[in-house]
Amino acid sequence: SHRYKKSQWGPYGPVPYLRRNRPSIHQLAKPQAKRYRNKWARGKIWLSGALKGAPHKKGVVTKVYIKNPKKPNSANRKVCNVTLSNKEKIRCVIPGIGHNLFEHSSVLIRGGKSRDLIGFHYKVVRGKYDCKPVIGRKSSRSKYGVKKPK
């Protein structure tokens, strides 16, 4: 009399049945069940994080300061704390050379991790609201809010 069925035995003993990445019955019974239907195939529900599945969110800068990256890099990265429109507080990187942000500036936030700064998973969108585009930028202009030169 085994506790496990024959199909639940692996090469090194019993393998417990995992419910990972499967929607529960309660989730499927909800009115917004469409959100969970492909959960098993997709692997994750992208409703975690401060953006809550949105591509961008508007926020207000609460503090602008400088951080040093982790080893082996060495620089002064310009970063800021932002309170989003959904009242979440996040830490963001300000990309590009130079900026005009200070406390109470309105900014647009997008996702994007800074690999050499720990805990900074969002970036400020340049050229939107109070954040000006990078001056004199010629390459990768779309990332820094620069219009096409004439």
N, C-alpha and C. Protein backbone atom coordinates (compact mmCIF):
# COMPACT_ATOMS: atom_id res chain seq x y z
N SER A 1 0.84 -1.19 0.00
CA SER A 1 0.00 0.00 0.00
C SER A 1 0.88 1.25 0.00
N HIS A 2 1.06 1.83 -1.22
CA HIS A 2 1.87 3.03 -1.35
C HIS A 2 1.03 4.27 -1.09
N ARG A 3 1.69 5.32 -0.67
CA ARG A 3 1.01 6.61 -0.58
C ARG A 3 0.97 7.28 -1.94
N TYR A 4 1.85 6.88 -2.85
CA TYR A 4 1.95 7.49 -4.18
C TYR A 4 1.48 6.51 -5.24
N LYS A 5 0.88 7.04 -6.32
CA LYS A 5 0.53 6.19 -7.46
C LYS A 5 1.80 5.81 -8.21
N LYS A 6 1.67 4.82 -9.08
CA LYS A 6 2.82 4.36 -9.85
C LYS A 6 3.39 5.49 -10.72
N SER A 7 2.52 6.36 -11.27
CA SER A 7 2.97 7.44 -12.14
C SER A 7 3.71 8.53 -11.38
N GLN A 8 3.59 8.53 -10.04
CA GLN A 8 4.24 9.56 -9.25
C GLN A 8 5.63 9.14 -8.77
N TRP A 9 6.12 8.01 -9.24
CA TRP A 9 7.44 7.56 -8.83
C TRP A 9 8.46 7.96 -9.88
N GLY A 10 9.51 8.63 -9.46
CA GLY A 10 10.60 9.00 -10.35
C GLY A 10 11.73 8.00 -10.23
N PRO A 11 12.86 8.28 -10.88
CA PRO A 11 13.98 7.34 -10.84
C PRO A 11 14.62 7.22 -9.45
N TYR A 12 14.41 8.25 -8.60
CA TYR A 12 15.05 8.23 -7.27
C TYR A 12 14.03 8.20 -6.15
N GLY A 13 12.81 7.74 -6.42
CA GLY A 13 11.81 7.66 -5.37
C GLY A 13 10.56 8.45 -5.73
N PRO A 14 9.68 8.68 -4.75
CA PRO A 14 8.41 9.35 -5.04
C PRO A 14 8.60 10.82 -5.39
N VAL A 15 7.80 11.29 -6.36
CA VAL A 15 7.83 12.69 -6.77
C VAL A 15 6.47 13.29 -6.45
N PRO A 16 6.40 14.22 -5.49
CA PRO A 16 5.09 14.79 -5.15
C PRO A 16 4.54 15.62 -6.30
N TYR A 17 3.21 15.63 -6.44
CA TYR A 17 2.55 16.37 -7.50
C TYR A 17 2.63 17.86 -7.19
N LEU A 18 3.18 18.62 -8.12
CA LEU A 18 3.33 20.06 -7.90
C LEU A 18 2.23 20.82 -8.64
N ARG A 19 1.65 21.82 -7.98
CA ARG A 19 0.60 22.63 -8.59
C ARG A 19 1.17 23.92 -9.13
N ARG A 20 2.44 23.97 -9.38
CA ARG A 20 3.09 25.20 -9.80
C ARG A 20 2.51 25.73 -11.12
N ASN A 21 2.27 27.03 -11.20
CA ASN A 21 1.82 27.72 -12.41
C ASN A 21 0.46 27.26 -12.91
N ARG A 22 -0.37 26.76 -12.03
CA ARG A 22 -1.71 26.36 -12.42
C ARG A 22 -2.70 27.25 -11.70
N PRO A 23 -3.75 27.72 -12.39
CA PRO A 23 -4.75 28.52 -11.68
C PRO A 23 -5.56 27.65 -10.73
N SER A 24 -5.92 28.22 -9.59
CA SER A 24 -6.76 27.48 -8.66
C SER A 24 -8.22 27.57 -9.10
N ILE A 25 -9.06 26.76 -8.51
CA ILE A 25 -10.49 26.77 -8.85
C ILE A 25 -11.10 28.11 -8.47
N HIS A 26 -10.63 28.69 -7.37
CA HIS A 26 -11.15 29.98 -6.94
C HIS A 26 -10.80 31.08 -7.94
N GLN A 27 -9.58 31.01 -8.50
CA GLN A 27 -9.18 32.01 -9.49
C GLN A 27 -10.02 31.90 -10.76
N LEU A 28 -10.31 30.66 -11.18
CA LEU A 28 -11.10 30.46 -12.40
C LEU A 28 -12.57 30.85 -12.20
N ALA A 29 -13.03 30.84 -10.94
CA ALA A 29 -14.42 31.20 -10.66
C ALA A 29 -14.63 32.71 -10.63
N LYS A 30 -13.56 33.47 -10.55
CA LYS A 30 -13.67 34.93 -10.50
C LYS A 30 -14.18 35.48 -11.83
N PRO A 31 -14.80 36.67 -11.81
CA PRO A 31 -15.27 37.26 -13.07
C PRO A 31 -14.12 37.60 -14.02
N GLN A 32 -12.95 37.91 -13.50
CA GLN A 32 -11.82 38.23 -14.37
C GLN A 32 -10.96 36.98 -14.63
N ALA A 33 -11.62 35.83 -14.79
CA ALA A 33 -10.91 34.56 -14.92
C ALA A 33 -10.04 34.50 -16.15
N LYS A 34 -10.37 35.32 -17.17
CA LYS A 34 -9.57 35.32 -18.40
C LYS A 34 -8.09 35.58 -18.09
N ARG A 35 -7.86 36.36 -17.05
CA ARG A 35 -6.51 36.71 -16.64
C ARG A 35 -5.71 35.47 -16.26
N TYR A 36 -6.39 34.46 -15.70
CA TYR A 36 -5.70 33.30 -15.17
C TYR A 36 -5.67 32.11 -16.12
N ARG A 37 -6.46 32.14 -17.21
CA ARG A 37 -6.60 30.96 -18.05
C ARG A 37 -5.27 30.45 -18.59
N ASN A 38 -4.44 31.36 -19.09
CA ASN A 38 -3.18 30.94 -19.69
C ASN A 38 -2.04 30.92 -18.69
N LYS A 39 -2.37 30.99 -17.41
CA LYS A 39 -1.33 31.09 -16.39
C LYS A 39 -0.34 29.92 -16.46
N TRP A 40 -0.86 28.73 -16.70
CA TRP A 40 0.00 27.56 -16.73
C TRP A 40 0.94 27.63 -17.92
N ALA A 41 0.43 28.05 -19.08
CA ALA A 41 1.26 28.13 -20.28
C ALA A 41 2.25 29.28 -20.19
N ARG A 42 1.81 30.39 -19.64
CA ARG A 42 2.66 31.59 -19.60
C ARG A 42 3.73 31.51 -18.52
N GLY A 43 3.41 30.82 -17.44
CA GLY A 43 4.39 30.68 -16.38
C GLY A 43 4.18 31.67 -15.25
N LYS A 44 3.76 32.90 -15.54
CA LYS A 44 3.59 33.90 -14.50
C LYS A 44 2.42 34.81 -14.84
N ILE A 45 1.82 35.39 -13.83
CA ILE A 45 0.85 36.45 -14.06
C ILE A 45 1.62 37.75 -13.89
N TRP A 46 1.62 38.60 -14.91
CA TRP A 46 2.40 39.83 -14.83
C TRP A 46 1.61 40.94 -14.16
N LEU A 47 1.09 40.66 -12.99
CA LEU A 47 0.40 41.68 -12.23
C LEU A 47 1.17 42.05 -10.99
N SER A 48 2.32 41.41 -10.80
CA SER A 48 3.16 41.77 -9.68
C SER A 48 3.99 42.99 -10.09
N GLY A 49 4.69 43.57 -9.18
CA GLY A 49 5.48 44.76 -9.46
C GLY A 49 4.62 46.01 -9.39
N ALA A 50 5.27 47.15 -9.42
CA ALA A 50 4.57 48.41 -9.20
C ALA A 50 3.73 48.84 -10.40
N LEU A 51 4.09 48.38 -11.60
CA LEU A 51 3.34 48.82 -12.78
C LEU A 51 2.03 48.07 -12.96
N LYS A 52 1.85 46.95 -12.27
CA LYS A 52 0.61 46.16 -12.29
C LYS A 52 0.18 45.80 -13.71
N GLY A 53 1.13 45.36 -14.52
CA GLY A 53 0.81 44.91 -15.86
C GLY A 53 0.76 46.01 -16.90
N ALA A 54 0.87 47.27 -16.50
CA ALA A 54 0.84 48.40 -17.44
C ALA A 54 2.24 48.63 -18.01
N PRO A 55 2.35 49.16 -19.23
CA PRO A 55 3.67 49.42 -19.78
C PRO A 55 4.36 50.63 -19.13
N HIS A 56 3.57 51.64 -18.75
CA HIS A 56 4.12 52.83 -18.11
C HIS A 56 3.19 53.27 -16.98
N LYS A 57 3.73 54.07 -16.07
CA LYS A 57 2.91 54.71 -15.04
C LYS A 57 3.47 56.09 -14.76
N LYS A 58 2.56 57.01 -14.43
CA LYS A 58 2.96 58.37 -14.07
C LYS A 58 3.25 58.41 -12.59
N GLY A 59 4.22 59.26 -12.22
CA GLY A 59 4.55 59.39 -10.82
C GLY A 59 5.13 60.75 -10.50
N VAL A 60 5.35 60.98 -9.21
CA VAL A 60 5.92 62.23 -8.73
C VAL A 60 7.22 61.92 -7.99
N VAL A 61 8.28 62.64 -8.33
CA VAL A 61 9.59 62.43 -7.72
C VAL A 61 9.56 62.93 -6.28
N THR A 62 10.04 62.10 -5.35
CA THR A 62 10.11 62.51 -3.96
C THR A 62 11.53 62.83 -3.51
N LYS A 63 12.53 62.27 -4.21
CA LYS A 63 13.92 62.53 -3.83
C LYS A 63 14.83 62.19 -5.01
N VAL A 64 15.82 63.04 -5.28
CA VAL A 64 16.81 62.78 -6.33
C VAL A 64 18.17 62.68 -5.65
N TYR A 65 18.92 61.63 -5.95
CA TYR A 65 20.22 61.44 -5.32
C TYR A 65 21.14 60.62 -6.21
N ILE A 66 22.34 60.34 -5.72
CA ILE A 66 23.37 59.64 -6.50
C ILE A 66 23.72 58.33 -5.79
N LYS A 67 23.87 57.26 -6.57
CA LYS A 67 24.27 55.96 -6.02
C LYS A 67 25.51 55.47 -6.74
N ASN A 68 26.32 54.70 -6.03
CA ASN A 68 27.48 54.07 -6.65
C ASN A 68 27.11 52.64 -7.04
N PRO A 69 27.49 52.20 -8.26
CA PRO A 69 27.17 50.82 -8.68
C PRO A 69 28.03 49.80 -7.94
N LYS A 70 27.59 48.53 -8.05
CA LYS A 70 28.37 47.47 -7.40
C LYS A 70 29.59 47.11 -8.24
N LYS A 71 30.48 46.35 -7.65
CA LYS A 71 31.72 45.96 -8.34
C LYS A 71 31.38 45.19 -9.60
N PRO A 72 32.18 45.24 -10.64
CA PRO A 72 33.45 45.94 -10.80
C PRO A 72 33.28 47.36 -11.36
N ASN A 73 32.04 47.85 -11.50
CA ASN A 73 31.82 49.16 -12.10
C ASN A 73 32.06 50.29 -11.11
N SER A 74 32.35 51.46 -11.66
CA SER A 74 32.61 52.62 -10.83
C SER A 74 32.05 53.85 -11.52
N ALA A 75 31.11 54.52 -10.88
CA ALA A 75 30.48 55.72 -11.45
C ALA A 75 29.59 56.35 -10.40
N ASN A 76 28.92 57.43 -10.77
CA ASN A 76 27.88 58.02 -9.94
C ASN A 76 26.59 57.95 -10.74
N ARG A 77 25.71 57.04 -10.39
CA ARG A 77 24.45 56.88 -11.11
C ARG A 77 23.40 57.81 -10.51
N LYS A 78 22.70 58.53 -11.40
CA LYS A 78 21.65 59.45 -10.96
C LYS A 78 20.35 58.66 -10.80
N VAL A 79 19.78 58.68 -9.61
CA VAL A 79 18.59 57.90 -9.31
C VAL A 79 17.58 58.77 -8.55
N CYS A 80 16.35 58.26 -8.47
CA CYS A 80 15.33 59.02 -7.74
C CYS A 80 14.29 58.07 -7.13
N ASN A 81 13.65 58.55 -6.09
CA ASN A 81 12.51 57.85 -5.50
C ASN A 81 11.25 58.48 -6.09
N VAL A 82 10.29 57.62 -6.46
CA VAL A 82 9.07 58.10 -7.12
C VAL A 82 7.85 57.49 -6.43
N THR A 83 6.83 58.31 -6.22
CA THR A 83 5.53 57.81 -5.78
C THR A 83 4.63 57.75 -7.01
N LEU A 84 4.15 56.57 -7.35
CA LEU A 84 3.35 56.37 -8.55
C LEU A 84 1.90 56.79 -8.33
N SER A 85 1.14 56.84 -9.42
CA SER A 85 -0.26 57.22 -9.36
C SER A 85 -1.10 56.21 -8.58
N ASN A 86 -0.61 54.97 -8.47
CA ASN A 86 -1.32 53.97 -7.66
C ASN A 86 -0.79 53.91 -6.23
N LYS A 87 -0.11 54.97 -5.80
CA LYS A 87 0.39 55.18 -4.42
C LYS A 87 1.56 54.26 -4.05
N GLU A 88 2.14 53.56 -5.03
CA GLU A 88 3.30 52.73 -4.73
C GLU A 88 4.56 53.57 -4.77
N LYS A 89 5.51 53.26 -3.90
CA LYS A 89 6.78 53.99 -3.87
C LYS A 89 7.86 53.09 -4.47
N ILE A 90 8.57 53.62 -5.47
CA ILE A 90 9.61 52.83 -6.13
C ILE A 90 10.88 53.65 -6.28
N ARG A 91 11.97 52.95 -6.63
CA ARG A 91 13.25 53.60 -6.89
C ARG A 91 13.57 53.47 -8.38
N CYS A 92 13.96 54.57 -9.02
CA CYS A 92 14.15 54.60 -10.47
C CYS A 92 15.52 55.13 -10.82
N VAL A 93 16.00 54.71 -11.99
CA VAL A 93 17.24 55.23 -12.57
C VAL A 93 16.88 56.31 -13.57
N ILE A 94 17.65 57.38 -13.60
CA ILE A 94 17.47 58.43 -14.61
C ILE A 94 18.52 58.19 -15.69
N PRO A 95 18.11 57.70 -16.89
CA PRO A 95 19.11 57.36 -17.91
C PRO A 95 19.64 58.60 -18.62
N GLY A 96 20.81 58.46 -19.23
CA GLY A 96 21.37 59.55 -20.04
C GLY A 96 22.24 60.49 -19.23
N ILE A 97 22.91 61.38 -19.96
CA ILE A 97 23.84 62.33 -19.34
C ILE A 97 23.08 63.61 -19.02
N GLY A 98 23.10 64.01 -17.75
CA GLY A 98 22.44 65.23 -17.29
C GLY A 98 20.93 65.05 -17.19
N HIS A 99 20.32 65.78 -16.27
CA HIS A 99 18.86 65.76 -16.13
C HIS A 99 18.41 67.03 -15.42
N ASN A 100 17.10 67.27 -15.44
CA ASN A 100 16.56 68.48 -14.82
C ASN A 100 15.53 68.14 -13.75
N LEU A 101 15.60 66.94 -13.18
CA LEU A 101 14.60 66.51 -12.21
C LEU A 101 14.93 67.00 -10.81
N PHE A 102 13.90 67.32 -10.08
CA PHE A 102 14.02 67.64 -8.66
C PHE A 102 12.72 67.21 -7.98
N GLU A 103 12.61 67.47 -6.69
CA GLU A 103 11.44 67.04 -5.94
C GLU A 103 10.16 67.63 -6.54
N HIS A 104 9.09 66.86 -6.57
CA HIS A 104 7.76 67.22 -7.08
C HIS A 104 7.70 67.29 -8.60
N SER A 105 8.72 66.81 -9.32
CA SER A 105 8.64 66.73 -10.79
C SER A 105 7.73 65.56 -11.17
N SER A 106 6.93 65.74 -12.23
CA SER A 106 6.12 64.64 -12.76
C SER A 106 6.94 63.86 -13.77
N VAL A 107 6.92 62.54 -13.66
CA VAL A 107 7.71 61.70 -14.57
C VAL A 107 6.87 60.51 -15.02
N LEU A 108 7.27 59.93 -16.16
CA LEU A 108 6.69 58.70 -16.64
C LEU A 108 7.71 57.59 -16.39
N ILE A 109 7.23 56.46 -15.86
CA ILE A 109 8.12 55.37 -15.46
C ILE A 109 7.87 54.16 -16.36
N ARG A 110 8.94 53.50 -16.77
CA ARG A 110 8.83 52.25 -17.50
C ARG A 110 9.66 51.21 -16.77
N GLY A 111 9.43 49.95 -17.11
CA GLY A 111 10.22 48.89 -16.51
C GLY A 111 11.60 48.85 -17.13
N GLY A 112 12.54 48.26 -16.46
CA GLY A 112 13.90 48.14 -16.98
C GLY A 112 14.89 48.13 -15.85
N LYS A 113 15.54 47.01 -15.68
CA LYS A 113 16.45 46.84 -14.57
C LYS A 113 17.79 47.49 -14.87
N SER A 114 18.40 48.07 -13.86
CA SER A 114 19.77 48.54 -13.97
C SER A 114 20.64 47.46 -13.33
N ARG A 115 21.48 46.84 -14.11
CA ARG A 115 22.16 45.63 -13.63
C ARG A 115 23.19 45.90 -12.55
N ASP A 116 23.75 47.11 -12.54
CA ASP A 116 24.79 47.37 -11.54
C ASP A 116 24.28 48.15 -10.33
N LEU A 117 22.97 48.40 -10.26
CA LEU A 117 22.37 49.01 -9.07
C LEU A 117 21.36 48.05 -8.48
N ILE A 118 21.51 47.74 -7.21
CA ILE A 118 20.64 46.76 -6.57
C ILE A 118 19.33 47.43 -6.16
N GLY A 119 18.21 46.84 -6.54
CA GLY A 119 16.90 47.33 -6.12
C GLY A 119 16.30 48.38 -7.02
N PHE A 120 16.93 48.68 -8.16
CA PHE A 120 16.39 49.66 -9.09
C PHE A 120 15.85 48.91 -10.31
N HIS A 121 14.52 48.71 -10.37
CA HIS A 121 13.90 47.90 -11.42
C HIS A 121 13.10 48.74 -12.40
N TYR A 122 13.21 50.06 -12.31
CA TYR A 122 12.42 50.94 -13.17
C TYR A 122 13.29 52.07 -13.69
N LYS A 123 12.88 52.64 -14.84
CA LYS A 123 13.62 53.76 -15.43
C LYS A 123 12.66 54.90 -15.73
N VAL A 124 13.19 56.11 -15.70
CA VAL A 124 12.42 57.30 -16.05
C VAL A 124 12.43 57.43 -17.57
N VAL A 125 11.28 57.76 -18.17
CA VAL A 125 11.19 57.98 -19.61
C VAL A 125 11.60 59.41 -19.89
N ARG A 126 12.65 59.59 -20.69
CA ARG A 126 13.14 60.93 -21.01
C ARG A 126 12.24 61.58 -22.06
N GLY A 127 12.09 62.90 -21.96
CA GLY A 127 11.31 63.65 -22.94
C GLY A 127 9.82 63.61 -22.70
N LYS A 128 9.39 63.20 -21.52
CA LYS A 128 7.96 63.12 -21.21
C LYS A 128 7.72 63.83 -19.88
N TYR A 129 6.64 64.61 -19.80
CA TYR A 129 6.30 65.42 -18.63
C TYR A 129 7.46 66.36 -18.28
N ASP A 130 7.94 66.33 -17.03
CA ASP A 130 8.95 67.31 -16.61
C ASP A 130 10.38 66.90 -16.94
N CYS A 131 10.59 65.67 -17.37
CA CYS A 131 11.95 65.20 -17.66
C CYS A 131 12.32 65.54 -19.11
N LYS A 132 13.34 66.37 -19.26
CA LYS A 132 13.74 66.82 -20.60
C LYS A 132 14.56 65.73 -21.30
N PRO A 133 14.59 65.76 -22.65
CA PRO A 133 15.42 64.78 -23.37
C PRO A 133 16.91 65.07 -23.18
N VAL A 134 17.73 64.10 -23.53
CA VAL A 134 19.19 64.27 -23.43
C VAL A 134 19.64 65.22 -24.54
N ILE A 135 20.44 66.21 -24.18
CA ILE A 135 20.88 67.22 -25.14
C ILE A 135 22.04 66.67 -25.97
N GLY A 136 21.96 66.88 -27.30
CA GLY A 136 23.06 66.51 -28.19
C GLY A 136 23.19 65.02 -28.46
N ARG A 137 22.15 64.27 -28.23
CA ARG A 137 22.20 62.82 -28.44
C ARG A 137 21.97 62.52 -29.93
N LYS A 138 22.82 61.67 -30.53
CA LYS A 138 22.69 61.33 -31.96
C LYS A 138 22.27 59.88 -32.16
N SER A 139 22.79 58.96 -31.36
CA SER A 139 22.47 57.54 -31.51
C SER A 139 21.51 57.10 -30.40
N SER A 140 20.75 56.06 -30.65
CA SER A 140 19.75 55.52 -29.70
C SER A 140 18.84 56.63 -29.19
N ARG A 141 18.38 57.50 -30.10
CA ARG A 141 17.61 58.68 -29.69
C ARG A 141 16.28 58.33 -29.04
N SER A 142 15.64 57.24 -29.49
CA SER A 142 14.31 56.92 -28.98
C SER A 142 14.33 56.59 -27.49
N LYS A 143 15.45 56.08 -27.01
CA LYS A 143 15.56 55.75 -25.58
C LYS A 143 15.70 56.98 -24.71
N TYR A 144 16.10 58.10 -25.32
CA TYR A 144 16.40 59.30 -24.54
C TYR A 144 15.52 60.49 -24.93
N GLY A 145 14.44 60.25 -25.67
CA GLY A 145 13.45 61.27 -25.97
C GLY A 145 13.90 62.36 -26.92
N VAL A 146 14.88 62.09 -27.78
CA VAL A 146 15.43 63.11 -28.67
C VAL A 146 14.73 63.02 -30.03
N LYS A 147 14.30 64.17 -30.54
CA LYS A 147 13.66 64.24 -31.87
C LYS A 147 14.73 64.08 -32.95
N LYS A 148 14.27 63.70 -34.15
CA LYS A 148 15.19 63.52 -35.29
C LYS A 148 15.75 64.87 -35.73
N PRO A 149 17.06 64.99 -35.89
CA PRO A 149 17.63 66.27 -36.33
C PRO A 149 17.29 66.53 -37.80
N LYS A 150 17.13 67.82 -38.15
CA LYS A 150 16.74 68.17 -39.52
C LYS A 150 17.93 68.47 -40.39
